[in-house]
Amino acid sequence: MNILIKIEMPAIDVSITERKQSFSQGEPEIKSIHGFIDFHQIPRDKGGIFTFYNVNDELLFVGKARKIRQRVKKHFEDNVSPMKNHRDEVYRIDVSIVEDPTEREIYETYIINEYHAKYNVEKVFYK
């Protein structure tokens, strides 16, 4: 008996890119975190998968979280992130809302291996 499991990338719900803020005089400046100012677009209390890409659309890192915005921001702020030495390479962040923890685990492992995420070191089977 052959069993075929077909997994596809989950739909992207939010995509933000690095950008330099331009503002008019008198307009408050939004503090950027490594060039990103749109973290507010990522849902605060949703679980999901996030992917970091460089300017050449190469996949740098894949992660999952129960609270997605908090986890994405943590990769740009803490000193234990596998991305700590590569933050300046990140140009685009894609977020897919995936509430089920088992599905998040499957998607993360699938994306890391199918698309060869450059800086993921765990769950890597393709090397």
PDB file of N, CA and C in Angstrom:
ATOM      1  N   MET A   1       0.848  -1.178   0.000  1.00  0.00           N
ATOM      2  CA  MET A   1       0.000   0.000   0.000  1.00  0.00           C
ATOM      3  C   MET A   1       0.897   1.246   0.000  1.00  0.00           C
ATOM      4  N   ASN A   2       0.723   2.090  -0.979  1.00  0.00           N
ATOM      5  CA  ASN A   2       1.480   3.340  -1.056  1.00  0.00           C
ATOM      6  C   ASN A   2       0.664   4.471  -0.452  1.00  0.00           C
ATOM      7  N   ILE A   3       1.300   5.209   0.426  1.00  0.00           N
ATOM      8  CA  ILE A   3       0.653   6.367   1.025  1.00  0.00           C
ATOM      9  C   ILE A   3       1.404   7.599   0.542  1.00  0.00           C
ATOM     10  N   LEU A   4       0.663   8.540   0.005  1.00  0.00           N
ATOM     11  CA  LEU A   4       1.262   9.769  -0.505  1.00  0.00           C
ATOM     12  C   LEU A   4       0.790  10.937   0.348  1.00  0.00           C
ATOM     13  N   ILE A   5       1.736  11.663   0.865  1.00  0.00           N
ATOM     14  CA  ILE A   5       1.408  12.860   1.626  1.00  0.00           C
ATOM     15  C   ILE A   5       1.783  14.049   0.763  1.00  0.00           C
ATOM     16  N   LYS A   6       0.813  14.899   0.487  1.00  0.00           N
ATOM     17  CA  LYS A   6       1.067  16.079  -0.336  1.00  0.00           C
ATOM     18  C   LYS A   6       0.950  17.313   0.547  1.00  0.00           C
ATOM     19  N   ILE A   7       2.041  18.028   0.661  1.00  0.00           N
ATOM     20  CA  ILE A   7       2.070  19.252   1.463  1.00  0.00           C
ATOM     21  C   ILE A   7       2.402  20.402   0.526  1.00  0.00           C
ATOM     22  N   GLU A   8       1.712  21.490   0.702  1.00  0.00           N
ATOM     23  CA  GLU A   8       1.994  22.705  -0.076  1.00  0.00           C
ATOM     24  C   GLU A   8       2.238  23.846   0.889  1.00  0.00           C
ATOM     25  N   MET A   9       2.882  24.879   0.392  1.00  0.00           N
ATOM     26  CA  MET A   9       3.118  26.069   1.214  1.00  0.00           C
ATOM     27  C   MET A   9       1.758  26.627   1.645  1.00  0.00           C
ATOM     28  N   PRO A  10       1.631  27.014   2.902  1.00  0.00           N
ATOM     29  CA  PRO A  10       0.377  27.651   3.321  1.00  0.00           C
ATOM     30  C   PRO A  10       0.255  29.033   2.679  1.00  0.00           C
ATOM     31  N   ALA A  11      -0.965  29.500   2.535  1.00  0.00           N
ATOM     32  CA  ALA A  11      -1.207  30.822   1.960  1.00  0.00           C
ATOM     33  C   ALA A  11      -0.561  31.900   2.828  1.00  0.00           C
ATOM     34  N   ILE A  12      -0.010  32.912   2.193  1.00  0.00           N
ATOM     35  CA  ILE A  12       0.610  34.024   2.911  1.00  0.00           C
ATOM     36  C   ILE A  12      -0.477  35.023   3.287  1.00  0.00           C
ATOM     37  N   ASP A  13      -0.567  35.314   4.579  1.00  0.00           N
ATOM     38  CA  ASP A  13      -1.581  36.244   5.073  1.00  0.00           C
ATOM     39  C   ASP A  13      -1.046  37.663   5.212  1.00  0.00           C
ATOM     40  N   VAL A  14       0.241  37.792   5.518  1.00  0.00           N
ATOM     41  CA  VAL A  14       0.872  39.108   5.676  1.00  0.00           C
ATOM     42  C   VAL A  14       2.272  39.025   5.097  1.00  0.00           C
ATOM     43  N   SER A  15       2.654  40.042   4.341  1.00  0.00           N
ATOM     44  CA  SER A  15       4.017  40.141   3.821  1.00  0.00           C
ATOM     45  C   SER A  15       4.491  41.564   4.048  1.00  0.00           C
ATOM     46  N   ILE A  16       5.614  41.709   4.740  1.00  0.00           N
ATOM     47  CA  ILE A  16       6.165  43.050   4.962  1.00  0.00           C
ATOM     48  C   ILE A  16       7.594  43.083   4.444  1.00  0.00           C
ATOM     49  N   THR A  17       7.997  44.233   3.959  1.00  0.00           N
ATOM     50  CA  THR A  17       9.353  44.383   3.440  1.00  0.00           C
ATOM     51  C   THR A  17      10.070  45.498   4.188  1.00  0.00           C
ATOM     52  N   GLU A  18      11.380  45.371   4.171  1.00  0.00           N
ATOM     53  CA  GLU A  18      12.225  46.396   4.774  1.00  0.00           C
ATOM     54  C   GLU A  18      12.026  47.675   3.965  1.00  0.00           C
ATOM     55  N   ARG A  19      11.958  48.781   4.648  1.00  0.00           N
ATOM     56  CA  ARG A  19      11.841  50.045   3.929  1.00  0.00           C
ATOM     57  C   ARG A  19      12.334  51.181   4.798  1.00  0.00           C
ATOM     58  N   LYS A  20      12.814  52.146   4.100  1.00  0.00           N
ATOM     59  CA  LYS A  20      13.259  53.354   4.791  1.00  0.00           C
ATOM     60  C   LYS A  20      12.042  54.267   4.906  1.00  0.00           C
ATOM     61  N   GLN A  21      11.806  54.730   6.096  1.00  0.00           N
ATOM     62  CA  GLN A  21      10.639  55.564   6.320  1.00  0.00           C
ATOM     63  C   GLN A  21      10.887  56.979   5.812  1.00  0.00           C
ATOM     64  N   SER A  22       9.917  57.472   5.066  1.00  0.00           N
ATOM     65  CA  SER A  22       9.958  58.886   4.689  1.00  0.00           C
ATOM     66  C   SER A  22       8.766  59.538   5.378  1.00  0.00           C
ATOM     67  N   PHE A  23       9.014  60.656   5.991  1.00  0.00           N
ATOM     68  CA  PHE A  23       7.920  61.308   6.706  1.00  0.00           C
ATOM     69  C   PHE A  23       8.011  62.809   6.508  1.00  0.00           C
ATOM     70  N   SER A  24       6.858  63.427   6.536  1.00  0.00           N
ATOM     71  CA  SER A  24       6.778  64.880   6.389  1.00  0.00           C
ATOM     72  C   SER A  24       7.116  65.547   7.715  1.00  0.00           C
ATOM     73  N   GLN A  25       7.491  66.799   7.610  1.00  0.00           N
ATOM     74  CA  GLN A  25       7.808  67.545   8.825  1.00  0.00           C
ATOM     75  C   GLN A  25       6.572  67.583   9.722  1.00  0.00           C
ATOM     76  N   GLY A  26       6.768  67.337  10.997  1.00  0.00           N
ATOM     77  CA  GLY A  26       5.662  67.330  11.941  1.00  0.00           C
ATOM     78  C   GLY A  26       5.035  65.949  12.105  1.00  0.00           C
ATOM     79  N   GLU A  27       5.329  65.039  11.190  1.00  0.00           N
ATOM     80  CA  GLU A  27       4.795  63.674  11.281  1.00  0.00           C
ATOM     81  C   GLU A  27       5.717  62.871  12.192  1.00  0.00           C
ATOM     82  N   PRO A  28       5.149  62.102  13.119  1.00  0.00           N
ATOM     83  CA  PRO A  28       6.020  61.335  14.019  1.00  0.00           C
ATOM     84  C   PRO A  28       6.756  60.228  13.259  1.00  0.00           C
ATOM     85  N   GLU A  29       8.000  60.027  13.639  1.00  0.00           N
ATOM     86  CA  GLU A  29       8.789  58.969  13.015  1.00  0.00           C
ATOM     87  C   GLU A  29       8.464  57.649  13.705  1.00  0.00           C
ATOM     88  N   ILE A  30       8.278  56.619  12.909  1.00  0.00           N
ATOM     89  CA  ILE A  30       8.040  55.287  13.464  1.00  0.00           C
ATOM     90  C   ILE A  30       9.399  54.625  13.640  1.00  0.00           C
ATOM     91  N   LYS A  31       9.673  54.128  14.838  1.00  0.00           N
ATOM     92  CA  LYS A  31      10.951  53.490  15.121  1.00  0.00           C
ATOM     93  C   LYS A  31      11.023  52.171  14.358  1.00  0.00           C
ATOM     94  N   SER A  32      12.065  52.023  13.582  1.00  0.00           N
ATOM     95  CA  SER A  32      12.222  50.780  12.830  1.00  0.00           C
ATOM     96  C   SER A  32      13.052  49.790  13.625  1.00  0.00           C
ATOM     97  N   ILE A  33      12.837  48.523  13.327  1.00  0.00           N
ATOM     98  CA  ILE A  33      13.648  47.451  13.890  1.00  0.00           C
ATOM     99  C   ILE A  33      14.329  46.797  12.699  1.00  0.00           C
ATOM    100  N   HIS A  34      15.611  47.052  12.538  1.00  0.00           N
ATOM    101  CA  HIS A  34      16.390  46.556  11.397  1.00  0.00           C
ATOM    102  C   HIS A  34      15.716  46.881  10.065  1.00  0.00           C
ATOM    103  N   GLY A  35      15.153  48.085   9.958  1.00  0.00           N
ATOM    104  CA  GLY A  35      14.557  48.540   8.709  1.00  0.00           C
ATOM    105  C   GLY A  35      13.092  48.197   8.552  1.00  0.00           C
ATOM    106  N   PHE A  36      12.513  47.462   9.479  1.00  0.00           N
ATOM    107  CA  PHE A  36      11.101  47.087   9.388  1.00  0.00           C
ATOM    108  C   PHE A  36      10.277  47.971  10.310  1.00  0.00           C
ATOM    109  N   ILE A  37       9.186  48.530   9.762  1.00  0.00           N
ATOM    110  CA  ILE A  37       8.302  49.372  10.573  1.00  0.00           C
ATOM    111  C   ILE A  37       6.868  48.854  10.584  1.00  0.00           C
ATOM    112  N   ASP A  38       6.603  47.753   9.896  1.00  0.00           N
ATOM    113  CA  ASP A  38       5.225  47.282   9.740  1.00  0.00           C
ATOM    114  C   ASP A  38       4.897  46.021  10.534  1.00  0.00           C
ATOM    115  N   PHE A  39       5.593  45.776  11.636  1.00  0.00           N
ATOM    116  CA  PHE A  39       5.295  44.593  12.441  1.00  0.00           C
ATOM    117  C   PHE A  39       3.843  44.578  12.915  1.00  0.00           C
ATOM    118  N   HIS A  40       3.240  45.775  13.039  1.00  0.00           N
ATOM    119  CA  HIS A  40       1.854  45.860  13.501  1.00  0.00           C
ATOM    120  C   HIS A  40       0.882  45.149  12.561  1.00  0.00           C
ATOM    121  N   GLN A  41       1.281  44.878  11.326  1.00  0.00           N
ATOM    122  CA  GLN A  41       0.416  44.169  10.385  1.00  0.00           C
ATOM    123  C   GLN A  41       0.326  42.678  10.703  1.00  0.00           C
ATOM    124  N   ILE A  42       1.288  42.169  11.448  1.00  0.00           N
ATOM    125  CA  ILE A  42       1.290  40.758  11.826  1.00  0.00           C
ATOM    126  C   ILE A  42       0.368  40.602  13.034  1.00  0.00           C
ATOM    127  N   PRO A  43      -0.591  39.680  12.976  1.00  0.00           N
ATOM    128  CA  PRO A  43      -1.513  39.513  14.109  1.00  0.00           C
ATOM    129  C   PRO A  43      -0.776  39.223  15.415  1.00  0.00           C
ATOM    130  N   ARG A  44      -1.260  39.804  16.467  1.00  0.00           N
ATOM    131  CA  ARG A  44      -0.617  39.702  17.781  1.00  0.00           C
ATOM    132  C   ARG A  44      -0.879  38.349  18.450  1.00  0.00           C
ATOM    133  N   ASP A  45      -2.095  37.861  18.377  1.00  0.00           N
ATOM    134  CA  ASP A  45      -2.476  36.668  19.136  1.00  0.00           C
ATOM    135  C   ASP A  45      -2.837  35.478  18.262  1.00  0.00           C
ATOM    136  N   LYS A  46      -2.204  35.362  17.115  1.00  0.00           N
ATOM    137  CA  LYS A  46      -2.438  34.227  16.222  1.00  0.00           C
ATOM    138  C   LYS A  46      -1.165  33.405  16.126  1.00  0.00           C
ATOM    139  N   GLY A  47      -1.341  32.127  15.868  1.00  0.00           N
ATOM    140  CA  GLY A  47      -0.196  31.253  15.654  1.00  0.00           C
ATOM    141  C   GLY A  47       0.081  31.143  14.167  1.00  0.00           C
ATOM    142  N   GLY A  48       1.314  30.774  13.821  1.00  0.00           N
ATOM    143  CA  GLY A  48       1.600  30.632  12.403  1.00  0.00           C
ATOM    144  C   GLY A  48       3.035  30.300  12.093  1.00  0.00           C
ATOM    145  N   ILE A  49       3.316  30.410  10.811  1.00  0.00           N
ATOM    146  CA  ILE A  49       4.628  30.151  10.232  1.00  0.00           C
ATOM    147  C   ILE A  49       5.148  31.472   9.682  1.00  0.00           C
ATOM    148  N   PHE A  50       6.452  31.723   9.843  1.00  0.00           N
ATOM    149  CA  PHE A  50       7.041  32.911   9.223  1.00  0.00           C
ATOM    150  C   PHE A  50       8.271  32.503   8.438  1.00  0.00           C
ATOM    151  N   THR A  51       8.505  33.237   7.357  1.00  0.00           N
ATOM    152  CA  THR A  51       9.676  32.993   6.518  1.00  0.00           C
ATOM    153  C   THR A  51      10.384  34.316   6.283  1.00  0.00           C
ATOM    154  N   PHE A  52      11.713  34.286   6.361  1.00  0.00           N
ATOM    155  CA  PHE A  52      12.545  35.456   6.099  1.00  0.00           C
ATOM    156  C   PHE A  52      13.231  35.250   4.751  1.00  0.00           C
ATOM    157  N   TYR A  53      13.185  36.265   3.900  1.00  0.00           N
ATOM    158  CA  TYR A  53      13.826  36.224   2.581  1.00  0.00           C
ATOM    159  C   TYR A  53      14.780  37.395   2.435  1.00  0.00           C
ATOM    160  N   ASN A  54      15.801  37.223   1.595  1.00  0.00           N
ATOM    161  CA  ASN A  54      16.685  38.341   1.297  1.00  0.00           C
ATOM    162  C   ASN A  54      16.170  39.087   0.066  1.00  0.00           C
ATOM    163  N   VAL A  55      16.893  40.103  -0.350  1.00  0.00           N
ATOM    164  CA  VAL A  55      16.475  40.945  -1.470  1.00  0.00           C
ATOM    165  C   VAL A  55      16.429  40.165  -2.791  1.00  0.00           C
ATOM    166  N   ASN A  56      17.141  39.040  -2.851  1.00  0.00           N
ATOM    167  CA  ASN A  56      17.144  38.191  -4.055  1.00  0.00           C
ATOM    168  C   ASN A  56      16.106  37.079  -3.975  1.00  0.00           C
ATOM    169  N   ASP A  57      15.196  37.161  -3.007  1.00  0.00           N
ATOM    170  CA  ASP A  57      14.106  36.202  -2.838  1.00  0.00           C
ATOM    171  C   ASP A  57      14.599  34.813  -2.414  1.00  0.00           C
ATOM    172  N   GLU A  58      15.775  34.751  -1.787  1.00  0.00           N
ATOM    173  CA  GLU A  58      16.299  33.484  -1.280  1.00  0.00           C
ATOM    174  C   GLU A  58      15.782  33.278   0.144  1.00  0.00           C
ATOM    175  N   LEU A  59      15.332  32.078   0.443  1.00  0.00           N
ATOM    176  CA  LEU A  59      14.821  31.770   1.769  1.00  0.00           C
ATOM    177  C   LEU A  59      15.970  31.687   2.764  1.00  0.00           C
ATOM    178  N   LEU A  60      15.890  32.517   3.802  1.00  0.00           N
ATOM    179  CA  LEU A  60      16.931  32.558   4.812  1.00  0.00           C
ATOM    180  C   LEU A  60      16.581  31.730   6.043  1.00  0.00           C
ATOM    181  N   PHE A  61      15.324  31.826   6.494  1.00  0.00           N
ATOM    182  CA  PHE A  61      14.955  31.195   7.754  1.00  0.00           C
ATOM    183  C   PHE A  61      13.458  30.956   7.800  1.00  0.00           C
ATOM    184  N   VAL A  62      13.079  29.861   8.440  1.00  0.00           N
ATOM    185  CA  VAL A  62      11.672  29.509   8.646  1.00  0.00           C
ATOM    186  C   VAL A  62      11.463  29.276  10.130  1.00  0.00           C
ATOM    187  N   GLY A  63      10.357  29.761  10.662  1.00  0.00           N
ATOM    188  CA  GLY A  63      10.034  29.518  12.061  1.00  0.00           C
ATOM    189  C   GLY A  63       8.544  29.409  12.265  1.00  0.00           C
ATOM    190  N   LYS A  64       8.181  29.004  13.452  1.00  0.00           N
ATOM    191  CA  LYS A  64       6.767  28.877  13.807  1.00  0.00           C
ATOM    192  C   LYS A  64       6.575  29.448  15.200  1.00  0.00           C
ATOM    193  N   ALA A  65       5.340  29.807  15.519  1.00  0.00           N
ATOM    194  CA  ALA A  65       5.082  30.349  16.849  1.00  0.00           C
ATOM    195  C   ALA A  65       3.603  30.313  17.166  1.00  0.00           C
ATOM    196  N   ARG A  66       3.341  30.225  18.452  1.00  0.00           N
ATOM    197  CA  ARG A  66       1.955  30.283  18.942  1.00  0.00           C
ATOM    198  C   ARG A  66       1.445  31.732  18.885  1.00  0.00           C
ATOM    199  N   LYS A  67       2.348  32.677  19.112  1.00  0.00           N
ATOM    200  CA  LYS A  67       2.033  34.112  18.983  1.00  0.00           C
ATOM    201  C   LYS A  67       3.043  34.679  17.998  1.00  0.00           C
ATOM    202  N   ILE A  68       2.618  34.807  16.769  1.00  0.00           N
ATOM    203  CA  ILE A  68       3.532  35.022  15.650  1.00  0.00           C
ATOM    204  C   ILE A  68       4.257  36.373  15.678  1.00  0.00           C
ATOM    205  N   ARG A  69       3.555  37.479  15.958  1.00  0.00           N
ATOM    206  CA  ARG A  69       4.220  38.794  15.927  1.00  0.00           C
ATOM    207  C   ARG A  69       5.353  38.860  16.949  1.00  0.00           C
ATOM    208  N   GLN A  70       5.070  38.416  18.149  1.00  0.00           N
ATOM    209  CA  GLN A  70       6.058  38.433  19.229  1.00  0.00           C
ATOM    210  C   GLN A  70       7.304  37.632  18.833  1.00  0.00           C
ATOM    211  N   ARG A  71       7.107  36.481  18.206  1.00  0.00           N
ATOM    212  CA  ARG A  71       8.233  35.615  17.833  1.00  0.00           C
ATOM    213  C   ARG A  71       9.058  36.215  16.709  1.00  0.00           C
ATOM    214  N   VAL A  72       8.399  36.792  15.714  1.00  0.00           N
ATOM    215  CA  VAL A  72       9.126  37.415  14.599  1.00  0.00           C
ATOM    216  C   VAL A  72       9.992  38.558  15.131  1.00  0.00           C
ATOM    217  N   LYS A  73       9.410  39.412  15.941  1.00  0.00           N
ATOM    218  CA  LYS A  73      10.162  40.543  16.493  1.00  0.00           C
ATOM    219  C   LYS A  73      11.341  40.074  17.339  1.00  0.00           C
ATOM    220  N   LYS A  74      11.163  38.979  18.063  1.00  0.00           N
ATOM    221  CA  LYS A  74      12.222  38.452  18.924  1.00  0.00           C
ATOM    222  C   LYS A  74      13.475  38.094  18.107  1.00  0.00           C
ATOM    223  N   HIS A  75      13.275  37.644  16.870  1.00  0.00           N
ATOM    224  CA  HIS A  75      14.428  37.312  16.025  1.00  0.00           C
ATOM    225  C   HIS A  75      15.271  38.545  15.695  1.00  0.00           C
ATOM    226  N   PHE A  76      14.677  39.717  15.810  1.00  0.00           N
ATOM    227  CA  PHE A  76      15.403  40.953  15.517  1.00  0.00           C
ATOM    228  C   PHE A  76      15.913  41.643  16.776  1.00  0.00           C
ATOM    229  N   GLU A  77      15.543  41.114  17.936  1.00  0.00           N
ATOM    230  CA  GLU A  77      15.892  41.801  19.176  1.00  0.00           C
ATOM    231  C   GLU A  77      16.781  41.013  20.125  1.00  0.00           C
ATOM    232  N   ASP A  78      16.685  39.685  20.134  1.00  0.00           N
ATOM    233  CA  ASP A  78      17.446  38.955  21.155  1.00  0.00           C
ATOM    234  C   ASP A  78      18.786  38.454  20.627  1.00  0.00           C
ATOM    235  N   ASN A  79      19.617  37.999  21.545  1.00  0.00           N
ATOM    236  CA  ASN A  79      20.965  37.565  21.191  1.00  0.00           C
ATOM    237  C   ASN A  79      21.105  36.061  21.025  1.00  0.00           C
ATOM    238  N   VAL A  80      20.011  35.329  21.131  1.00  0.00           N
ATOM    239  CA  VAL A  80      20.089  33.878  20.978  1.00  0.00           C
ATOM    240  C   VAL A  80      19.462  33.395  19.674  1.00  0.00           C
ATOM    241  N   SER A  81      18.909  34.290  18.911  1.00  0.00           N
ATOM    242  CA  SER A  81      18.300  33.918  17.633  1.00  0.00           C
ATOM    243  C   SER A  81      19.359  33.410  16.664  1.00  0.00           C
ATOM    244  N   PRO A  82      19.046  32.348  15.909  1.00  0.00           N
ATOM    245  CA  PRO A  82      19.980  31.891  14.876  1.00  0.00           C
ATOM    246  C   PRO A  82      20.196  32.967  13.798  1.00  0.00           C
ATOM    247  N   MET A  83      19.332  33.973  13.780  1.00  0.00           N
ATOM    248  CA  MET A  83      19.424  35.049  12.798  1.00  0.00           C
ATOM    249  C   MET A  83      20.225  36.242  13.305  1.00  0.00           C
ATOM    250  N   LYS A  84      20.746  36.183  14.525  1.00  0.00           N
ATOM    251  CA  LYS A  84      21.389  37.360  15.131  1.00  0.00           C
ATOM    252  C   LYS A  84      22.514  37.945  14.284  1.00  0.00           C
ATOM    253  N   ASN A  85      23.251  37.115  13.569  1.00  0.00           N
ATOM    254  CA  ASN A  85      24.340  37.627  12.725  1.00  0.00           C
ATOM    255  C   ASN A  85      23.911  37.861  11.281  1.00  0.00           C
ATOM    256  N   HIS A  86      22.642  37.646  10.988  1.00  0.00           N
ATOM    257  CA  HIS A  86      22.164  37.736   9.601  1.00  0.00           C
ATOM    258  C   HIS A  86      20.950  38.653   9.459  1.00  0.00           C
ATOM    259  N   ARG A  87      20.633  39.397  10.490  1.00  0.00           N
ATOM    260  CA  ARG A  87      19.424  40.245  10.473  1.00  0.00           C
ATOM    261  C   ARG A  87      19.425  41.247   9.326  1.00  0.00           C
ATOM    262  N   ASP A  88      20.592  41.763   9.003  1.00  0.00           N
ATOM    263  CA  ASP A  88      20.671  42.773   7.945  1.00  0.00           C
ATOM    264  C   ASP A  88      20.397  42.198   6.562  1.00  0.00           C
ATOM    265  N   GLU A  89      20.419  40.870   6.440  1.00  0.00           N
ATOM    266  CA  GLU A  89      20.117  40.236   5.157  1.00  0.00           C
ATOM    267  C   GLU A  89      18.618  40.159   4.892  1.00  0.00           C
ATOM    268  N   VAL A  90      17.810  40.221   5.938  1.00  0.00           N
ATOM    269  CA  VAL A  90      16.363  40.034   5.791  1.00  0.00           C
ATOM    270  C   VAL A  90      15.753  41.256   5.117  1.00  0.00           C
ATOM    271  N   TYR A  91      15.075  40.999   4.007  1.00  0.00           N
ATOM    272  CA  TYR A  91      14.408  42.062   3.257  1.00  0.00           C
ATOM    273  C   TYR A  91      12.883  41.920   3.314  1.00  0.00           C
ATOM    274  N   ARG A  92      12.409  40.657   3.350  1.00  0.00           N
ATOM    275  CA  ARG A  92      10.964  40.412   3.349  1.00  0.00           C
ATOM    276  C   ARG A  92      10.627  39.354   4.387  1.00  0.00           C
ATOM    277  N   ILE A  93       9.502  39.578   5.057  1.00  0.00           N
ATOM    278  CA  ILE A  93       8.979  38.615   6.021  1.00  0.00           C
ATOM    279  C   ILE A  93       7.577  38.239   5.564  1.00  0.00           C
ATOM    280  N   ASP A  94       7.356  36.929   5.359  1.00  0.00           N
ATOM    281  CA  ASP A  94       6.024  36.430   5.020  1.00  0.00           C
ATOM    282  C   ASP A  94       5.483  35.672   6.215  1.00  0.00           C
ATOM    283  N   VAL A  95       4.191  35.861   6.488  1.00  0.00           N
ATOM    284  CA  VAL A  95       3.547  35.212   7.618  1.00  0.00           C
ATOM    285  C   VAL A  95       2.303  34.493   7.126  1.00  0.00           C
ATOM    286  N   SER A  96       2.165  33.247   7.553  1.00  0.00           N
ATOM    287  CA  SER A  96       0.968  32.442   7.271  1.00  0.00           C
ATOM    288  C   SER A  96       0.340  32.078   8.603  1.00  0.00           C
ATOM    289  N   ILE A  97      -0.932  32.387   8.758  1.00  0.00           N
ATOM    290  CA  ILE A  97      -1.637  32.064   9.991  1.00  0.00           C
ATOM    291  C   ILE A  97      -1.984  30.573   9.961  1.00  0.00           C
ATOM    292  N   VAL A  98      -1.476  29.857  10.945  1.00  0.00           N
ATOM    293  CA  VAL A  98      -1.729  28.418  11.089  1.00  0.00           C
ATOM    294  C   VAL A  98      -1.929  28.191  12.583  1.00  0.00           C
ATOM    295  N   GLU A  99      -3.156  28.036  12.998  1.00  0.00           N
ATOM    296  CA  GLU A  99      -3.450  27.939  14.435  1.00  0.00           C
ATOM    297  C   GLU A  99      -3.118  26.575  15.029  1.00  0.00           C
ATOM    298  N   ASP A 100      -3.244  25.516  14.264  1.00  0.00           N
ATOM    299  CA  ASP A 100      -3.019  24.170  14.797  1.00  0.00           C
ATOM    300  C   ASP A 100      -1.524  23.895  14.990  1.00  0.00           C
ATOM    301  N   PRO A 101      -1.085  23.551  16.216  1.00  0.00           N
ATOM    302  CA  PRO A 101       0.341  23.342  16.475  1.00  0.00           C
ATOM    303  C   PRO A 101       0.956  22.198  15.666  1.00  0.00           C
ATOM    304  N   THR A 102       0.200  21.151  15.422  1.00  0.00           N
ATOM    305  CA  THR A 102       0.726  20.037  14.630  1.00  0.00           C
ATOM    306  C   THR A 102       0.957  20.473  13.191  1.00  0.00           C
ATOM    307  N   GLU A 103       0.028  21.215  12.642  1.00  0.00           N
ATOM    308  CA  GLU A 103       0.188  21.729  11.273  1.00  0.00           C
ATOM    309  C   GLU A 103       1.379  22.670  11.187  1.00  0.00           C
ATOM    310  N   ARG A 104       1.573  23.526  12.191  1.00  0.00           N
ATOM    311  CA  ARG A 104       2.729  24.432  12.194  1.00  0.00           C
ATOM    312  C   ARG A 104       4.028  23.640  12.138  1.00  0.00           C
ATOM    313  N   GLU A 105       4.102  22.588  12.939  1.00  0.00           N
ATOM    314  CA  GLU A 105       5.307  21.751  12.982  1.00  0.00           C
ATOM    315  C   GLU A 105       5.579  21.117  11.620  1.00  0.00           C
ATOM    316  N   ILE A 106       4.542  20.598  10.999  1.00  0.00           N
ATOM    317  CA  ILE A 106       4.682  19.954   9.681  1.00  0.00           C
ATOM    318  C   ILE A 106       5.101  20.968   8.629  1.00  0.00           C
ATOM    319  N   TYR A 107       4.426  22.106   8.589  1.00  0.00           N
ATOM    320  CA  TYR A 107       4.765  23.143   7.603  1.00  0.00           C
ATOM    321  C   TYR A 107       6.200  23.633   7.777  1.00  0.00           C
ATOM    322  N   GLU A 108       6.596  23.878   9.020  1.00  0.00           N
ATOM    323  CA  GLU A 108       7.949  24.382   9.256  1.00  0.00           C
ATOM    324  C   GLU A 108       8.988  23.389   8.733  1.00  0.00           C
ATOM    325  N   THR A 109       8.851  22.132   9.093  1.00  0.00           N
ATOM    326  CA  THR A 109       9.806  21.105   8.658  1.00  0.00           C
ATOM    327  C   THR A 109       9.794  20.965   7.137  1.00  0.00           C
ATOM    328  N   TYR A 110       8.604  20.977   6.552  1.00  0.00           N
ATOM    329  CA  TYR A 110       8.475  20.862   5.094  1.00  0.00           C
ATOM    330  C   TYR A 110       9.177  22.028   4.380  1.00  0.00           C
ATOM    331  N   ILE A 111       8.897  23.254   4.806  1.00  0.00           N
ATOM    332  CA  ILE A 111       9.455  24.435   4.134  1.00  0.00           C
ATOM    333  C   ILE A 111      10.984  24.467   4.276  1.00  0.00           C
ATOM    334  N   ILE A 112      11.476  24.173   5.472  1.00  0.00           N
ATOM    335  CA  ILE A 112      12.931  24.155   5.695  1.00  0.00           C
ATOM    336  C   ILE A 112      13.607  23.236   4.689  1.00  0.00           C
ATOM    337  N   ASN A 113      13.052  22.055   4.491  1.00  0.00           N
ATOM    338  CA  ASN A 113      13.692  21.043   3.664  1.00  0.00           C
ATOM    339  C   ASN A 113      13.367  21.155   2.184  1.00  0.00           C
ATOM    340  N   GLU A 114      12.170  21.545   1.855  1.00  0.00           N
ATOM    341  CA  GLU A 114      11.790  21.660   0.444  1.00  0.00           C
ATOM    342  C   GLU A 114      12.452  22.871  -0.215  1.00  0.00           C
ATOM    343  N   TYR A 115      12.589  23.951   0.540  1.00  0.00           N
ATOM    344  CA  TYR A 115      13.110  25.201  -0.024  1.00  0.00           C
ATOM    345  C   TYR A 115      14.508  25.537   0.493  1.00  0.00           C
ATOM    346  N   HIS A 116      15.120  24.650   1.252  1.00  0.00           N
ATOM    347  CA  HIS A 116      16.502  24.749   1.739  1.00  0.00           C
ATOM    348  C   HIS A 116      16.789  26.084   2.426  1.00  0.00           C
ATOM    349  N   ALA A 117      16.100  26.306   3.530  1.00  0.00           N
ATOM    350  CA  ALA A 117      16.306  27.525   4.311  1.00  0.00           C
ATOM    351  C   ALA A 117      17.769  27.624   4.749  1.00  0.00           C
ATOM    352  N   LYS A 118      18.387  28.722   4.411  1.00  0.00           N
ATOM    353  CA  LYS A 118      19.835  28.903   4.573  1.00  0.00           C
ATOM    354  C   LYS A 118      20.322  28.841   6.023  1.00  0.00           C
ATOM    355  N   TYR A 119      19.575  29.417   6.959  1.00  0.00           N
ATOM    356  CA  TYR A 119      20.076  29.520   8.325  1.00  0.00           C
ATOM    357  C   TYR A 119      19.352  28.639   9.340  1.00  0.00           C
ATOM    358  N   ASN A 120      18.464  27.786   8.916  1.00  0.00           N
ATOM    359  CA  ASN A 120      17.886  26.812   9.832  1.00  0.00           C
ATOM    360  C   ASN A 120      18.894  25.705  10.055  1.00  0.00           C
ATOM    361  N   VAL A 121      19.076  25.307  11.293  1.00  0.00           N
ATOM    362  CA  VAL A 121      20.018  24.234  11.592  1.00  0.00           C
ATOM    363  C   VAL A 121      19.323  22.998  12.165  1.00  0.00           C
ATOM    364  N   GLU A 122      18.152  23.187  12.733  1.00  0.00           N
ATOM    365  CA  GLU A 122      17.382  22.060  13.239  1.00  0.00           C
ATOM    366  C   GLU A 122      16.350  21.642  12.200  1.00  0.00           C
ATOM    367  N   LYS A 123      15.958  20.385  12.248  1.00  0.00           N
ATOM    368  CA  LYS A 123      14.946  19.827  11.341  1.00  0.00           C
ATOM    369  C   LYS A 123      15.401  19.792   9.895  1.00  0.00           C
ATOM    370  N   VAL A 124      16.705  19.822   9.663  1.00  0.00           N
ATOM    371  CA  VAL A 124      17.253  19.824   8.309  1.00  0.00           C
ATOM    372  C   VAL A 124      17.575  18.384   7.903  1.00  0.00           C
ATOM    373  N   PHE A 125      16.958  17.912   6.814  1.00  0.00           N
ATOM    374  CA  PHE A 125      17.181  16.553   6.334  1.00  0.00           C
ATOM    375  C   PHE A 125      17.885  16.517   4.993  1.00  0.00           C
ATOM    376  N   TYR A 126      18.027  17.657   4.324  1.00  0.00           N
ATOM    377  CA  TYR A 126      18.533  17.660   2.949  1.00  0.00           C
ATOM    378  C   TYR A 126      20.045  17.692   2.843  1.00  0.00           C
ATOM    379  N   LYS A 127      20.786  17.940   3.922  1.00  0.00           N
ATOM    380  CA  LYS A 127      22.248  18.052   3.823  1.00  0.00           C
ATOM    381  C   LYS A 127      22.916  16.716   3.792  1.00  0.00           C
TER     382      LYS A 127
END
